Amino acid sequence: MHYKHRIAQRAAREVSAGQAVNLGIGIPTLLMDYLPTDQGIFVQSENGIWGMGKRAPAGHESPDLIDAGASYATIVEGGAFFDSVTSFAIIRGGRIDITFLGALQVAQNGDLANWIIPGKMTPGIGGGMELAQKSRKVVVLTTHTTKTGGAKILPQCDLPLTAPACVAKIITDLAVIEVTADGLMLAELAEGVSVDEVIAKTAAPLKIATGPLPTY
């Protein structure tokens, strides 16, 4: 299984029956392939969909039905459409139970930086700021390191923040790390990955959960 799908498959286990879920751009969109369809889970897209389904199959795309990342989407039975004002009122009102976001950096206290690398063009911070601040739980899905091998999990972010102290859990291609009041806790390992490898590729201090670590 490709590492992105392994991350998404593990992340889907964070969702409980009946929850309202928001999926950020990138790896989070892959969760649609792993969320159960019989547990009353509704996926919200910040551009105005409640009850988003899987990506539209080739040949069945509708130009009038896209997600926040501009990919062709579907809608489940009972779903609804609304304007951006209503969509962001849902987010800002704390109605999203759990949101999954990508990351450029995460700090040991849960600070999130995921919207800009200084000097590179970006259209703006977008809805990620509201989602990070107002969702009841924020889970980051990301590679453990950058393309050049640098750590993404740091003592402190040095990129502009999306929101402070908002991340509850980080799921990467190497490990599941929980953000606690006492720092970062290594809770699970990806199959074939060692504790030493995770420690070596994490710039922030890590505590290790007691007992044998589960794998995914």
C-alpha atoms as a PDB file:
ATOM      1  CA  MET A   1       0.000   0.000   0.000  1.00  0.00           C
ATOM      2  CA  HIS A   2       1.296   3.473  -0.884  1.00  0.00           C
ATOM      3  CA  TYR A   3       2.274   5.456   2.195  1.00  0.00           C
ATOM      4  CA  LYS A   4      -0.373   8.113   1.537  1.00  0.00           C
ATOM      5  CA  HIS A   5      -3.127   5.521   1.577  1.00  0.00           C
ATOM      6  CA  ARG A   6      -1.649   3.894   4.692  1.00  0.00           C
ATOM      7  CA  ILE A   7      -1.835   7.272   6.440  1.00  0.00           C
ATOM      8  CA  ALA A   8      -5.421   7.797   5.271  1.00  0.00           C
ATOM      9  CA  GLN A   9      -6.484   4.298   6.263  1.00  0.00           C
ATOM     10  CA  ARG A  10      -5.087   4.791   9.764  1.00  0.00           C
ATOM     11  CA  ALA A  11      -6.630   8.259  10.009  1.00  0.00           C
ATOM     12  CA  ALA A  12     -10.108   6.916   9.228  1.00  0.00           C
ATOM     13  CA  ARG A  13     -10.001   5.055  12.545  1.00  0.00           C
ATOM     14  CA  GLU A  14     -10.136   8.433  14.314  1.00  0.00           C
ATOM     15  CA  VAL A  15     -13.683   9.045  13.084  1.00  0.00           C
ATOM     16  CA  SER A  16     -16.666   7.899  15.139  1.00  0.00           C
ATOM     17  CA  ALA A  17     -20.234   7.189  14.045  1.00  0.00           C
ATOM     18  CA  GLY A  18     -22.377  10.274  13.563  1.00  0.00           C
ATOM     19  CA  GLN A  19     -19.520  12.757  13.418  1.00  0.00           C
ATOM     20  CA  ALA A  20     -19.190  15.777  11.146  1.00  0.00           C
ATOM     21  CA  VAL A  21     -15.860  15.630   9.361  1.00  0.00           C
ATOM     22  CA  ASN A  22     -13.847  18.064   7.242  1.00  0.00           C
ATOM     23  CA  LEU A  23     -11.026  16.931   4.973  1.00  0.00           C
ATOM     24  CA  GLY A  24      -8.224  19.269   3.982  1.00  0.00           C
ATOM     25  CA  ILE A  25      -6.372  19.279   0.674  1.00  0.00           C
ATOM     26  CA  GLY A  26      -3.866  16.520  -0.114  1.00  0.00           C
ATOM     27  CA  ILE A  27      -3.612  13.287   1.878  1.00  0.00           C
ATOM     28  CA  PRO A  28      -6.814  14.052   3.884  1.00  0.00           C
ATOM     29  CA  THR A  29      -8.952  13.742   0.732  1.00  0.00           C
ATOM     30  CA  LEU A  30      -7.966  10.053   0.534  1.00  0.00           C
ATOM     31  CA  LEU A  31     -10.001   9.331   3.680  1.00  0.00           C
ATOM     32  CA  MET A  32     -13.119   9.171   1.525  1.00  0.00           C
ATOM     33  CA  ASP A  33     -11.934   5.713   0.408  1.00  0.00           C
ATOM     34  CA  TYR A  34     -11.788   4.438   4.002  1.00  0.00           C
ATOM     35  CA  LEU A  35     -14.653   6.060   5.914  1.00  0.00           C
ATOM     36  CA  PRO A  36     -17.570   3.681   6.600  1.00  0.00           C
ATOM     37  CA  THR A  37     -20.737   4.484   4.682  1.00  0.00           C
ATOM     38  CA  ASP A  38     -23.213   3.043   7.194  1.00  0.00           C
ATOM     39  CA  GLN A  39     -22.435   5.029  10.358  1.00  0.00           C
ATOM     40  CA  GLY A  40     -24.068   8.396   9.686  1.00  0.00           C
ATOM     41  CA  ILE A  41     -20.755  10.178   9.088  1.00  0.00           C
ATOM     42  CA  PHE A  42     -21.189  13.411   7.140  1.00  0.00           C
ATOM     43  CA  VAL A  43     -18.266  15.068   5.388  1.00  0.00           C
ATOM     44  CA  GLN A  44     -18.385  18.846   5.047  1.00  0.00           C
ATOM     45  CA  SER A  45     -16.572  20.707   2.294  1.00  0.00           C
ATOM     46  CA  GLU A  46     -15.900  24.334   3.119  1.00  0.00           C
ATOM     47  CA  ASN A  47     -17.037  25.499  -0.311  1.00  0.00           C
ATOM     48  CA  GLY A  48     -20.595  24.509   0.612  1.00  0.00           C
ATOM     49  CA  ILE A  49     -21.289  20.757   0.715  1.00  0.00           C
ATOM     50  CA  TRP A  50     -22.690  18.755   3.630  1.00  0.00           C
ATOM     51  CA  GLY A  51     -22.586  15.033   2.906  1.00  0.00           C
ATOM     52  CA  MET A  52     -19.770  14.876   0.382  1.00  0.00           C
ATOM     53  CA  GLY A  53     -19.104  11.448  -1.090  1.00  0.00           C
ATOM     54  CA  LYS A  54     -16.123   9.910  -2.845  1.00  0.00           C
ATOM     55  CA  ARG A  55     -14.426  11.529  -5.808  1.00  0.00           C
ATOM     56  CA  ALA A  56     -16.468  11.250  -8.978  1.00  0.00           C
ATOM     57  CA  PRO A  57     -15.344   8.352 -11.190  1.00  0.00           C
ATOM     58  CA  ALA A  58     -13.941   9.123 -14.624  1.00  0.00           C
ATOM     59  CA  GLY A  59     -16.706   9.944 -17.058  1.00  0.00           C
ATOM     60  CA  HIS A  60     -19.159  10.948 -14.327  1.00  0.00           C
ATOM     61  CA  GLU A  61     -17.699  14.292 -13.283  1.00  0.00           C
ATOM     62  CA  SER A  62     -20.028  17.257 -12.845  1.00  0.00           C
ATOM     63  CA  PRO A  63     -18.580  20.761 -13.287  1.00  0.00           C
ATOM     64  CA  ASP A  64     -21.113  21.942 -10.693  1.00  0.00           C
ATOM     65  CA  LEU A  65     -19.924  19.558  -7.966  1.00  0.00           C
ATOM     66  CA  ILE A  66     -16.363  20.065  -6.752  1.00  0.00           C
ATOM     67  CA  ASP A  67     -14.714  19.989  -3.344  1.00  0.00           C
ATOM     68  CA  ALA A  68     -12.616  22.691  -1.676  1.00  0.00           C
ATOM     69  CA  GLY A  69      -9.538  21.453  -3.542  1.00  0.00           C
ATOM     70  CA  ALA A  70     -11.305  21.756  -6.918  1.00  0.00           C
ATOM     71  CA  SER A  71     -11.564  17.977  -7.408  1.00  0.00           C
ATOM     72  CA  TYR A  72     -14.763  16.489  -8.793  1.00  0.00           C
ATOM     73  CA  ALA A  73     -16.860  15.141  -5.940  1.00  0.00           C
ATOM     74  CA  THR A  74     -20.112  13.284  -5.339  1.00  0.00           C
ATOM     75  CA  ILE A  75     -22.787  13.766  -2.698  1.00  0.00           C
ATOM     76  CA  VAL A  76     -24.431  11.117  -0.521  1.00  0.00           C
ATOM     77  CA  GLU A  77     -28.157  10.637  -0.065  1.00  0.00           C
ATOM     78  CA  GLY A  78     -29.422  13.295   2.322  1.00  0.00           C
ATOM     79  CA  GLY A  79     -26.594  15.690   1.509  1.00  0.00           C
ATOM     80  CA  ALA A  80     -27.067  19.414   1.019  1.00  0.00           C
ATOM     81  CA  PHE A  81     -25.553  22.470  -0.650  1.00  0.00           C
ATOM     82  CA  PHE A  82     -25.260  25.981   0.774  1.00  0.00           C
ATOM     83  CA  ASP A  83     -23.358  29.226   0.345  1.00  0.00           C
ATOM     84  CA  SER A  84     -19.953  30.070   1.826  1.00  0.00           C
ATOM     85  CA  VAL A  85     -21.496  32.198   4.566  1.00  0.00           C
ATOM     86  CA  THR A  86     -23.428  29.204   5.896  1.00  0.00           C
ATOM     87  CA  SER A  87     -20.460  26.890   5.396  1.00  0.00           C
ATOM     88  CA  PHE A  88     -18.127  29.043   7.437  1.00  0.00           C
ATOM     89  CA  ALA A  89     -20.798  29.659  10.059  1.00  0.00           C
ATOM     90  CA  ILE A  90     -20.829  25.873  10.559  1.00  0.00           C
ATOM     91  CA  ILE A  91     -17.045  25.850  10.972  1.00  0.00           C
ATOM     92  CA  ARG A  92     -16.768  28.969  13.137  1.00  0.00           C
ATOM     93  CA  GLY A  93     -19.664  27.786  15.263  1.00  0.00           C
ATOM     94  CA  GLY A  94     -17.682  24.720  16.311  1.00  0.00           C
ATOM     95  CA  ARG A  95     -19.945  22.253  14.490  1.00  0.00           C
ATOM     96  CA  ILE A  96     -17.106  20.207  12.962  1.00  0.00           C
ATOM     97  CA  ASP A  97     -16.211  17.277  15.199  1.00  0.00           C
ATOM     98  CA  ILE A  98     -12.908  16.445  13.544  1.00  0.00           C
ATOM     99  CA  THR A  99     -10.852  17.923  10.739  1.00  0.00           C
ATOM    100  CA  PHE A 100      -7.875  16.412   8.959  1.00  0.00           C
ATOM    101  CA  LEU A 101      -5.247  18.808   7.629  1.00  0.00           C
ATOM    102  CA  GLY A 102      -1.887  18.600   5.934  1.00  0.00           C
ATOM    103  CA  ALA A 103       1.146  20.351   7.399  1.00  0.00           C
ATOM    104  CA  LEU A 104       4.406  22.019   6.559  1.00  0.00           C
ATOM    105  CA  GLN A 105       5.402  22.045  10.248  1.00  0.00           C
ATOM    106  CA  VAL A 106       3.926  21.050  13.605  1.00  0.00           C
ATOM    107  CA  ALA A 107       5.396  22.217  16.918  1.00  0.00           C
ATOM    108  CA  GLN A 108       5.608  20.147  20.087  1.00  0.00           C
ATOM    109  CA  ASN A 109       2.783  22.189  21.655  1.00  0.00           C
ATOM    110  CA  GLY A 110       0.472  21.606  18.687  1.00  0.00           C
ATOM    111  CA  ASP A 111       1.128  24.813  16.741  1.00  0.00           C
ATOM    112  CA  LEU A 112       0.364  24.291  13.043  1.00  0.00           C
ATOM    113  CA  ALA A 113       2.013  25.885  10.012  1.00  0.00           C
ATOM    114  CA  ASN A 114       0.520  24.691   6.751  1.00  0.00           C
ATOM    115  CA  TRP A 115      -0.328  27.611   4.515  1.00  0.00           C
ATOM    116  CA  ILE A 116       2.776  29.384   3.207  1.00  0.00           C
ATOM    117  CA  ILE A 117       6.515  29.145   2.701  1.00  0.00           C
ATOM    118  CA  PRO A 118       7.787  32.751   2.703  1.00  0.00           C
ATOM    119  CA  GLY A 119       8.759  33.870  -0.788  1.00  0.00           C
ATOM    120  CA  LYS A 120       6.440  31.423  -2.546  1.00  0.00           C
ATOM    121  CA  MET A 121       3.176  32.513  -4.122  1.00  0.00           C
ATOM    122  CA  THR A 122      -0.029  31.529  -2.350  1.00  0.00           C
ATOM    123  CA  PRO A 123      -3.613  32.724  -2.851  1.00  0.00           C
ATOM    124  CA  GLY A 124      -4.061  33.201   0.909  1.00  0.00           C
ATOM    125  CA  ILE A 125      -4.513  31.317   4.151  1.00  0.00           C
ATOM    126  CA  GLY A 126      -7.963  30.061   3.134  1.00  0.00           C
ATOM    127  CA  GLY A 127     -10.343  28.116   5.335  1.00  0.00           C
ATOM    128  CA  GLY A 128      -7.588  26.161   7.048  1.00  0.00           C
ATOM    129  CA  MET A 129      -7.283  28.902   9.673  1.00  0.00           C
ATOM    130  CA  GLU A 130     -10.926  28.558  10.753  1.00  0.00           C
ATOM    131  CA  LEU A 131     -10.806  24.774  10.631  1.00  0.00           C
ATOM    132  CA  ALA A 132      -7.655  24.656  12.751  1.00  0.00           C
ATOM    133  CA  GLN A 133      -9.043  27.083  15.309  1.00  0.00           C
ATOM    134  CA  LYS A 134     -12.651  25.970  15.583  1.00  0.00           C
ATOM    135  CA  SER A 135     -12.836  22.221  14.916  1.00  0.00           C
ATOM    136  CA  ARG A 136     -13.309  20.150  18.050  1.00  0.00           C
ATOM    137  CA  LYS A 137     -10.344  17.954  17.100  1.00  0.00           C
ATOM    138  CA  VAL A 138      -7.555  18.555  14.573  1.00  0.00           C
ATOM    139  CA  VAL A 139      -5.525  15.652  13.197  1.00  0.00           C
ATOM    140  CA  VAL A 140      -2.551  16.339  10.939  1.00  0.00           C
ATOM    141  CA  LEU A 141      -1.766  13.927   8.106  1.00  0.00           C
ATOM    142  CA  THR A 142       1.665  14.417   6.593  1.00  0.00           C
ATOM    143  CA  THR A 143       4.980  12.899   5.677  1.00  0.00           C
ATOM    144  CA  HIS A 144       7.326  12.790   8.642  1.00  0.00           C
ATOM    145  CA  THR A 145      10.052  14.741   6.838  1.00  0.00           C
ATOM    146  CA  THR A 146      10.352  17.225   3.988  1.00  0.00           C
ATOM    147  CA  LYS A 147      11.444  16.239   0.480  1.00  0.00           C
ATOM    148  CA  THR A 148      15.008  17.165   1.464  1.00  0.00           C
ATOM    149  CA  GLY A 149      14.890  15.093   4.658  1.00  0.00           C
ATOM    150  CA  GLY A 150      14.312  17.904   7.123  1.00  0.00           C
ATOM    151  CA  ALA A 151      12.077  17.373  10.143  1.00  0.00           C
ATOM    152  CA  LYS A 152       8.477  18.599  10.024  1.00  0.00           C
ATOM    153  CA  ILE A 153       7.830  17.980  13.734  1.00  0.00           C
ATOM    154  CA  LEU A 154       9.770  20.647  15.595  1.00  0.00           C
ATOM    155  CA  PRO A 155      10.234  22.217  19.025  1.00  0.00           C
ATOM    156  CA  GLN A 156       8.859  25.413  17.480  1.00  0.00           C
ATOM    157  CA  CYS A 157       7.555  26.309  14.016  1.00  0.00           C
ATOM    158  CA  ASP A 158       9.621  28.807  12.063  1.00  0.00           C
ATOM    159  CA  LEU A 159       7.047  29.222   9.290  1.00  0.00           C
ATOM    160  CA  PRO A 160       4.004  31.507   9.652  1.00  0.00           C
ATOM    161  CA  LEU A 161       1.387  29.798  11.819  1.00  0.00           C
ATOM    162  CA  THR A 162      -2.035  28.754  10.643  1.00  0.00           C
ATOM    163  CA  ALA A 163      -3.222  28.450  14.253  1.00  0.00           C
ATOM    164  CA  PRO A 164      -1.540  28.010  17.647  1.00  0.00           C
ATOM    165  CA  ALA A 165      -1.805  24.907  19.840  1.00  0.00           C
ATOM    166  CA  CYS A 166      -4.575  23.355  17.752  1.00  0.00           C
ATOM    167  CA  VAL A 167      -3.249  19.901  16.783  1.00  0.00           C
ATOM    168  CA  ALA A 168      -4.318  16.880  18.839  1.00  0.00           C
ATOM    169  CA  LYS A 169      -2.651  14.109  16.845  1.00  0.00           C
ATOM    170  CA  ILE A 170      -0.132  13.691  14.013  1.00  0.00           C
ATOM    171  CA  ILE A 171      -0.283  10.695  11.667  1.00  0.00           C
ATOM    172  CA  THR A 172       2.666  10.301   9.310  1.00  0.00           C
ATOM    173  CA  ASP A 173       4.218   7.682   7.077  1.00  0.00           C
ATOM    174  CA  LEU A 174       6.305   6.617  10.091  1.00  0.00           C
ATOM    175  CA  ALA A 175       4.251   7.020  13.247  1.00  0.00           C
ATOM    176  CA  VAL A 176       1.230   8.242  15.176  1.00  0.00           C
ATOM    177  CA  ILE A 177       2.194  10.970  17.628  1.00  0.00           C
ATOM    178  CA  GLU A 178      -0.191  12.436  20.200  1.00  0.00           C
ATOM    179  CA  VAL A 179       0.096  16.045  21.363  1.00  0.00           C
ATOM    180  CA  THR A 180      -0.295  16.069  25.141  1.00  0.00           C
ATOM    181  CA  ALA A 181       0.030  18.662  27.877  1.00  0.00           C
ATOM    182  CA  ASP A 182       3.420  17.129  28.673  1.00  0.00           C
ATOM    183  CA  GLY A 183       4.715  17.138  25.090  1.00  0.00           C
ATOM    184  CA  LEU A 184       4.673  14.718  22.188  1.00  0.00           C
ATOM    185  CA  MET A 185       3.933  11.042  22.787  1.00  0.00           C
ATOM    186  CA  LEU A 186       4.901   8.352  20.278  1.00  0.00           C
ATOM    187  CA  ALA A 187       1.852   6.064  20.304  1.00  0.00           C
ATOM    188  CA  GLU A 188       2.063   3.855  17.191  1.00  0.00           C
ATOM    189  CA  LEU A 189       4.540   2.836  14.499  1.00  0.00           C
ATOM    190  CA  ALA A 190       4.046   2.261  10.802  1.00  0.00           C
ATOM    191  CA  GLU A 191       4.801  -1.294   9.798  1.00  0.00           C
ATOM    192  CA  GLY A 192       8.534  -1.873   9.456  1.00  0.00           C
ATOM    193  CA  VAL A 193       9.504   1.351  11.252  1.00  0.00           C
ATOM    194  CA  SER A 194      11.538   1.407  14.468  1.00  0.00           C
ATOM    195  CA  VAL A 195      11.326   3.731  17.447  1.00  0.00           C
ATOM    196  CA  ASP A 196      14.906   4.838  16.800  1.00  0.00           C
ATOM    197  CA  GLU A 197      14.048   5.884  13.235  1.00  0.00           C
ATOM    198  CA  VAL A 198      11.127   8.005  14.407  1.00  0.00           C
ATOM    199  CA  ILE A 199      13.239   9.662  17.107  1.00  0.00           C
ATOM    200  CA  ALA A 200      16.018  10.372  14.594  1.00  0.00           C
ATOM    201  CA  LYS A 201      13.606  12.044  12.167  1.00  0.00           C
ATOM    202  CA  THR A 202      11.706  14.080  14.779  1.00  0.00           C
ATOM    203  CA  ALA A 203      13.343  17.339  15.869  1.00  0.00           C
ATOM    204  CA  ALA A 204      11.075  17.779  18.898  1.00  0.00           C
ATOM    205  CA  PRO A 205      11.501  15.635  22.041  1.00  0.00           C
ATOM    206  CA  LEU A 206       9.406  12.472  22.075  1.00  0.00           C
ATOM    207  CA  LYS A 207       8.064  10.434  24.939  1.00  0.00           C
ATOM    208  CA  ILE A 208       7.354   6.768  24.210  1.00  0.00           C
ATOM    209  CA  ALA A 209       4.058   5.169  25.205  1.00  0.00           C
ATOM    210  CA  THR A 210       4.431   2.268  27.600  1.00  0.00           C
ATOM    211  CA  GLY A 211       4.189  -1.313  26.400  1.00  0.00           C
ATOM    212  CA  PRO A 212       4.596  -2.667  22.868  1.00  0.00           C
ATOM    213  CA  LEU A 213       3.595  -0.027  20.330  1.00  0.00           C
ATOM    214  CA  PRO A 214       0.777  -0.951  17.933  1.00  0.00           C
ATOM    215  CA  THR A 215       1.548  -0.888  14.206  1.00  0.00           C
ATOM    216  CA  TYR A 216      -0.534   0.186  11.233  1.00  0.00           C
END
